[in-house]
Protein backbone atom coordinates (compact mmCIF):
# COMPACT_ATOMS: atom_id res chain seq x y z
CA MET A 1 2.55 -4.07 -35.45
CA ALA A 2 0.31 -6.43 -32.26
CA GLY A 3 3.84 -7.93 -31.79
CA ARG A 4 5.37 -3.90 -31.25
CA ASN A 5 2.28 -2.73 -29.04
CA PHE A 6 2.50 -5.78 -26.87
CA ILE A 7 6.42 -4.70 -26.20
CA ASN A 8 5.96 -1.52 -26.07
CA ASN A 9 3.05 -1.96 -23.13
CA ALA A 10 5.08 -4.16 -20.90
CA LEU A 11 7.60 -1.20 -21.23
CA SER A 12 5.30 1.12 -19.91
CA ASN A 13 4.38 -1.25 -17.11
CA SER A 14 8.10 -1.33 -16.04
CA ILE A 15 8.71 1.99 -15.99
CA ALA A 16 5.56 2.58 -13.89
CA GLU A 17 6.75 -0.32 -11.67
CA HIS A 18 9.79 1.97 -11.20
CA ILE A 19 8.14 5.18 -10.37
CA THR A 20 6.38 3.56 -8.12
CA GLU A 21 8.79 2.44 -5.99
CA GLN A 22 10.25 5.46 -5.76
CA ILE A 23 7.15 7.18 -4.64
CA ILE A 24 6.57 4.07 -2.17
CA ALA A 25 10.18 4.41 -1.09
CA GLY A 26 10.23 7.95 -0.59
CA ASP A 27 12.64 9.15 -3.17
CA LEU A 28 10.09 10.83 -4.86
CA GLN A 29 8.42 13.33 -2.98
CA PRO A 30 5.12 14.46 -3.35
CA GLY A 31 4.80 18.14 -5.67
CA GLU A 32 8.16 16.66 -7.39
CA LYS A 33 7.91 16.79 -10.93
CA LEU A 34 8.17 13.63 -12.98
CA ILE A 35 10.91 14.23 -16.06
CA GLU A 36 10.29 12.42 -18.95
CA GLN A 37 13.79 12.76 -20.83
CA ASN A 38 15.34 11.31 -17.93
CA TYR A 39 13.22 7.92 -17.82
CA ALA A 40 13.29 7.90 -21.44
CA GLU A 41 17.34 7.91 -21.14
CA GLU A 42 17.59 5.57 -18.53
CA TYR A 43 15.84 3.03 -20.02
CA GLY A 44 17.37 3.47 -23.84
CA THR A 45 13.74 4.46 -25.51
CA SER A 46 11.59 7.27 -26.84
CA ARG A 47 9.33 9.40 -24.80
CA ALA A 48 5.86 7.55 -25.98
CA PRO A 49 6.82 4.45 -23.46
CA VAL A 50 7.24 6.72 -20.39
CA ARG A 51 4.46 9.48 -21.49
CA GLU A 52 2.12 6.12 -21.02
CA ALA A 53 3.23 5.04 -18.01
CA ILE A 54 2.84 8.44 -16.31
CA TYR A 55 -0.97 7.98 -17.83
CA LEU A 56 -0.98 4.71 -15.70
CA LEU A 57 0.14 6.16 -12.43
CA ALA A 58 -2.43 8.56 -12.76
CA ILE A 59 -5.09 6.53 -13.01
CA GLU A 60 -3.84 4.60 -9.81
CA GLY A 61 -4.08 8.10 -8.49
CA LEU A 62 -0.25 8.14 -7.61
CA VAL A 63 0.22 10.80 -10.21
CA GLU A 64 -1.54 14.22 -11.33
CA ARG A 65 -0.52 16.21 -14.36
CA ILE A 66 -0.64 20.16 -13.50
CA PRO A 67 -1.19 23.18 -16.33
CA ARG A 68 2.01 24.68 -17.56
CA LYS A 69 4.11 21.88 -14.81
CA GLY A 70 3.60 18.58 -16.41
CA ALA A 71 3.41 14.91 -14.18
CA VAL A 72 3.87 15.57 -10.60
CA VAL A 73 3.76 13.24 -7.69
CA ARG A 74 0.40 13.97 -6.67
CA GLU A 75 0.17 15.43 -2.87
CA TYR A 76 -2.88 14.00 -0.82
CA THR A 77 -4.67 16.98 1.46
CA GLU A 78 -5.11 15.57 5.47
CA ASN A 79 -8.50 14.79 5.10
CA GLU A 80 -7.40 12.60 2.04
CA ILE A 81 -5.15 10.82 3.84
CA TYR A 82 -7.54 10.33 7.29
CA ASP A 83 -10.53 9.15 4.86
CA LEU A 84 -8.26 6.80 3.08
CA LEU A 85 -7.18 5.28 6.59
CA GLU A 86 -10.89 5.02 8.10
CA ILE A 87 -12.04 3.50 4.62
CA ARG A 88 -9.39 0.52 5.42
CA ASN A 89 -10.40 0.26 9.05
CA MET A 90 -14.21 -0.10 8.10
CA LEU A 91 -13.20 -2.60 5.47
CA GLU A 92 -11.04 -4.33 8.16
CA ASN A 93 -13.71 -4.32 10.88
CA MET A 94 -16.53 -6.08 8.22
CA ALA A 95 -13.66 -8.64 7.35
CA MET A 96 -14.02 -9.56 11.45
CA ASP A 97 -17.17 -10.23 11.63
CA ARG A 98 -16.81 -12.47 8.36
CA ILE A 99 -13.88 -14.03 10.08
CA LYS A 100 -16.24 -14.84 13.38
CA LYS A 101 -18.46 -16.25 11.55
CA HIS A 102 -15.77 -18.49 9.27
CA GLY A 103 -13.24 -19.30 11.32
CA ALA A 104 -9.57 -18.70 10.56
CA ASP A 105 -8.55 -19.96 7.19
CA PRO A 106 -5.58 -22.41 7.86
CA GLU A 107 -4.08 -21.90 4.81
CA VAL A 108 -4.06 -18.06 4.97
CA LEU A 109 -2.47 -18.54 8.51
CA LYS A 110 0.53 -20.13 6.84
CA GLU A 111 0.68 -17.63 4.68
CA MET A 112 0.31 -15.06 6.99
CA ASN A 113 3.31 -16.08 9.29
CA GLN A 114 5.53 -16.42 5.99
CA LEU A 115 4.89 -12.45 5.92
CA LEU A 116 5.59 -11.89 9.51
CA LYS A 117 8.95 -13.70 8.54
CA GLU A 118 9.87 -11.73 5.99
CA MET A 119 8.43 -8.11 7.13
CA ARG A 120 10.94 -8.97 10.69
CA LYS A 121 14.04 -9.53 8.15
CA ALA A 122 13.17 -6.32 5.83
CA GLU A 123 15.57 -3.73 5.32
CA ASP A 124 14.07 -0.91 3.92
CA ILE A 125 10.64 1.03 3.90
CA HIS A 126 9.50 0.13 0.59
CA SER A 127 9.90 -3.69 0.98
CA TYR A 128 8.25 -3.29 4.50
CA THR A 129 5.24 -1.53 3.27
CA GLN A 130 4.67 -4.19 0.53
CA LEU A 131 4.70 -7.00 3.35
CA ASN A 132 2.41 -5.32 5.25
CA HIS A 133 0.02 -4.53 2.94
CA SER A 134 -0.23 -8.42 1.69
CA PHE A 135 -0.60 -8.87 5.36
CA HIS A 136 -4.00 -7.49 6.10
CA MET A 137 -5.00 -8.46 2.03
CA CYS A 138 -4.64 -12.00 3.82
CA LEU A 139 -7.31 -10.84 6.42
CA ILE A 140 -9.36 -9.80 4.10
CA LYS A 141 -9.38 -12.56 1.77
CA MET A 142 -10.10 -14.33 5.32
CA SER A 143 -13.73 -13.09 4.93
CA LYS A 144 -14.83 -15.12 2.00
CA SER A 145 -16.28 -11.93 0.76
CA GLU A 146 -15.23 -10.47 -2.70
CA THR A 147 -17.40 -7.77 -1.86
CA ILE A 148 -14.66 -6.85 0.63
CA ARG A 149 -11.65 -7.70 -1.35
CA ASN A 150 -12.59 -5.59 -4.42
CA VAL A 151 -13.62 -3.03 -2.17
CA TYR A 152 -10.08 -3.35 -0.30
CA SER A 153 -7.95 -3.44 -3.09
CA ARG A 154 -9.26 -0.49 -4.79
CA LEU A 155 -7.70 1.84 -1.93
CA GLY A 156 -4.62 0.39 -3.78
CA TRP A 157 -1.10 2.09 -4.26
CA PRO A 158 -2.23 5.21 -2.26
CA LEU A 159 -3.02 3.55 0.51
CA LEU A 160 0.64 2.11 0.40
CA ARG A 161 2.29 5.56 -0.33
CA VAL A 162 0.34 6.57 3.27
CA GLN A 163 1.32 3.41 5.14
CA SER A 164 4.72 3.89 4.12
CA LEU A 165 5.14 7.63 5.55
CA SER A 166 3.82 6.18 8.99
CA PHE A 167 6.24 3.81 8.59
CA ALA A 168 9.04 5.91 7.92
CA ARG A 169 8.69 7.70 11.16
CA GLU A 170 11.49 6.19 13.62
CA GLY A 171 10.48 2.98 15.74
CA ASN A 172 7.43 2.43 13.76
CA VAL A 173 8.50 -0.35 11.73
CA GLN A 174 9.16 -2.14 15.38
CA LYS A 175 5.69 -0.98 16.99
CA SER A 176 4.40 -2.51 13.74
CA ILE A 177 6.20 -6.08 13.66
CA ALA A 178 4.93 -6.43 17.80
CA GLU A 179 1.37 -5.65 16.71
CA HIS A 180 1.28 -7.98 13.72
CA GLU A 181 2.85 -10.69 16.04
CA LEU A 182 -0.13 -10.27 18.46
CA ILE A 183 -2.58 -10.40 15.28
CA MET A 184 -1.54 -13.51 14.07
CA GLN A 185 -1.49 -15.06 18.41
CA LEU A 186 -5.40 -14.14 18.53
CA LEU A 187 -5.78 -15.33 15.08
CA ILE A 188 -4.72 -18.78 16.05
CA GLU A 189 -6.19 -18.72 20.08
CA LYS A 190 -9.58 -17.82 17.73
CA ASN A 191 -10.15 -14.88 20.29
CA MET A 192 -11.42 -12.21 17.89
CA THR A 193 -13.31 -10.62 20.18
CA GLU A 194 -9.39 -9.07 21.59
CA LEU A 195 -8.36 -9.05 17.63
CA ALA A 196 -11.06 -7.07 16.99
CA ASP A 197 -10.04 -4.26 19.64
CA ILE A 198 -5.87 -4.79 18.87
CA LEU A 199 -6.96 -4.09 14.99
CA LEU A 200 -8.81 -0.94 15.71
CA LYS A 201 -6.27 0.13 17.95
CA HIS A 202 -3.36 -0.15 15.52
CA ASN A 203 -5.01 1.44 12.74
CA LYS A 204 -5.70 4.47 14.85
CA ASP A 205 -2.22 4.27 15.59
CA VAL A 206 -1.71 4.68 12.36
CA ILE A 207 -3.88 7.86 11.70
CA SER A 208 -2.13 8.98 15.17
CA SER A 209 1.46 8.90 14.27
CA LEU A 210 0.22 10.71 10.64
CA HIS A 211 -1.21 13.30 12.61
CA GLN A 212 1.74 13.83 14.73
CA LYS A 213 4.03 14.39 11.17
CA PHE A 214 1.91 16.93 9.78
CA ARG A 215 1.87 18.99 12.81
CA SER A 216 5.66 18.82 13.70
């Protein structure tokens, strides 16, 4: 019985990851219904692991259940999106204050440089969004604050979904790469004052981009 539960949990996690990728990539749009039977047939399983996967995604804030409609991709309000980005901005500012005190970690800088190389070669929005998130998590890691890191991590998949909306706008990925190159340069030069200003502008540009999207 324990072995069967382990297999079912692994399958549910795989299905949840698959649906998450579809949401982040924009293949599943906000408000779109998740058809349990379709995923059950795709994975050659019963609907039980699919229901568990959807339950996991609801906990993560990517999916919501609507009475008489079923499970749908969650649609965030403008205020919710702006709140997510403002909280992210606040946490990154706090991280910058800690980095000013501790200095930039050379090992984390190497990790960021590798991520930047992969960002330049990313071929789709989903991959770029994931790499971008990992890059910013490195800044959080450099703060050496578990509190900041834990709170930032809780923004999770909703933040990735919001960022993918911004990167989907034409030219935004190229602009993002240029900004991340500058962030790396300023970190290496230990120019923390200018870095804090650039990071603030970088985050505000995401908010501005989404504001234009909602108004278009």
